Protein backbone atom coordinates (compact mmCIF):
# COMPACT_ATOMS: atom_id res chain seq x y z
CA MET A 1 26.76 48.87 26.74
CA ALA A 2 26.07 46.34 24.48
CA GLY A 3 27.98 44.79 21.64
CA GLN A 4 27.56 45.39 18.41
CA ASP A 5 25.99 40.82 18.10
CA GLU A 6 23.79 41.28 21.15
CA GLN A 7 20.46 40.84 20.20
CA VAL A 8 18.67 44.48 21.09
CA LYS A 9 15.99 43.72 23.64
CA LEU A 10 12.86 45.73 22.38
CA PRO A 11 9.46 46.28 24.54
CA ARG A 12 6.14 44.34 22.05
CA ALA A 13 3.16 46.56 22.95
CA ALA A 14 3.70 50.42 23.65
CA LYS A 15 2.79 51.51 27.18
CA GLY A 16 0.88 54.75 28.12
CA LYS A 17 -2.15 56.65 27.01
CA ARG A 18 -1.94 57.58 22.49
CA SER A 19 -0.80 61.09 21.97
CA GLN A 20 -3.91 62.78 19.77
CA PHE A 21 -3.30 65.62 17.67
CA TYR A 22 -6.12 66.60 15.67
CA ASP A 23 -9.92 66.36 17.22
CA ASP A 24 -10.22 63.50 14.65
CA PRO A 25 -8.70 60.02 16.61
CA ALA A 26 -9.15 58.65 13.09
CA VAL A 27 -6.16 61.26 11.53
CA ASP A 28 -4.47 60.36 14.13
CA GLN A 29 -4.45 56.42 12.84
CA MET A 30 -4.20 58.13 9.74
CA MET A 31 -1.69 59.70 10.04
CA THR A 32 0.56 57.19 11.87
CA PHE A 33 -0.86 54.42 9.21
CA LEU A 34 0.88 57.17 6.58
CA LEU A 35 4.23 57.79 8.20
CA GLU A 36 4.50 54.11 8.98
CA LEU A 37 3.90 53.64 5.50
CA MET A 38 6.79 56.33 4.48
CA ALA A 39 9.55 54.68 6.26
CA GLU A 40 8.99 51.51 5.07
CA THR A 41 9.24 52.68 1.13
CA ALA A 42 12.10 54.57 2.54
CA ALA A 43 13.74 51.84 4.16
CA LEU A 44 12.66 49.63 1.42
CA ARG A 45 14.11 52.13 -1.51
CA GLU A 46 17.36 52.27 -0.24
CA ARG A 47 17.94 48.67 -0.17
CA VAL A 48 17.43 48.91 -4.05
CA ASP A 49 20.20 51.63 -4.05
CA THR A 50 22.23 49.43 -2.40
CA ILE A 51 22.08 46.63 -4.78
CA GLU A 52 22.02 48.56 -7.66
CA ARG A 53 24.91 49.89 -6.97
CA LEU A 54 26.45 46.50 -5.88
CA LEU A 55 25.34 45.31 -9.20
CA ASP A 56 26.82 48.44 -11.12
CA GLU A 57 29.70 47.47 -9.18
CA LYS A 58 30.48 43.70 -9.35
CA GLY A 59 28.03 42.50 -12.03
CA SER A 60 26.16 40.54 -9.80
CA VAL A 61 25.02 40.23 -5.31
CA SER A 62 24.56 38.59 -2.84
CA ARG A 63 22.10 38.36 0.37
CA ASP A 64 25.44 38.65 2.55
CA GLU A 65 26.95 41.12 0.24
CA ILE A 66 23.98 43.02 0.95
CA GLU A 67 23.87 43.45 4.29
CA ALA A 68 27.51 44.23 5.05
CA TYR A 69 27.08 47.19 2.46
CA SER A 70 28.89 50.12 3.48
CA PRO A 71 27.81 53.52 2.05
CA SER A 72 30.07 56.34 1.34
CA ALA A 73 29.34 59.38 2.09
CA GLN A 74 28.67 61.06 -1.15
CA THR A 75 26.44 57.85 -0.90
CA GLU A 76 24.92 58.59 2.33
CA ALA A 77 24.34 62.40 1.25
CA GLU A 78 22.70 60.77 -1.71
CA ARG A 79 20.20 58.94 0.15
CA SER A 80 19.68 62.31 2.56
CA ALA A 81 18.67 64.03 0.10
CA TRP A 82 15.47 61.58 -2.32
CA THR A 83 14.05 61.16 1.62
CA GLN A 84 13.96 64.40 2.14
CA GLN A 85 13.23 65.54 -1.07
CA PHE A 86 10.72 62.10 -0.43
CA LEU A 87 9.41 63.23 2.64
CA ARG A 88 8.00 66.60 0.67
CA ARG A 89 6.17 65.42 -1.60
CA VAL A 90 4.39 62.77 0.63
CA LEU A 91 3.51 65.91 3.17
CA ARG A 92 3.56 68.64 1.24
CA ALA A 93 -0.05 68.60 1.58
CA HIS A 94 0.16 69.01 5.40
CA GLU A 95 2.41 72.45 5.66
CA PRO A 96 0.82 75.40 6.60
CA ARG A 97 -0.27 77.89 3.81
């Protein structure tokens, strides 16, 4: 088992054939783009939430405090609810009718 201080090495390129879910490969590419953009947006939203919470608590914030922040169970629940609503809003058109 790797220790917390060890750096995890991930492969730089995916192996194997890319999955295709739609008849048009361009639709698969757009969905991949959308999902990656959604993941980045959610990560940025959590970081902004961390900064806002630290500012509310302390009035100022350092990069180290942001990196070391550990959300409470209540904060995790609020973030999870936001993420679920975000996914529903963005993927609403993709739901079966």
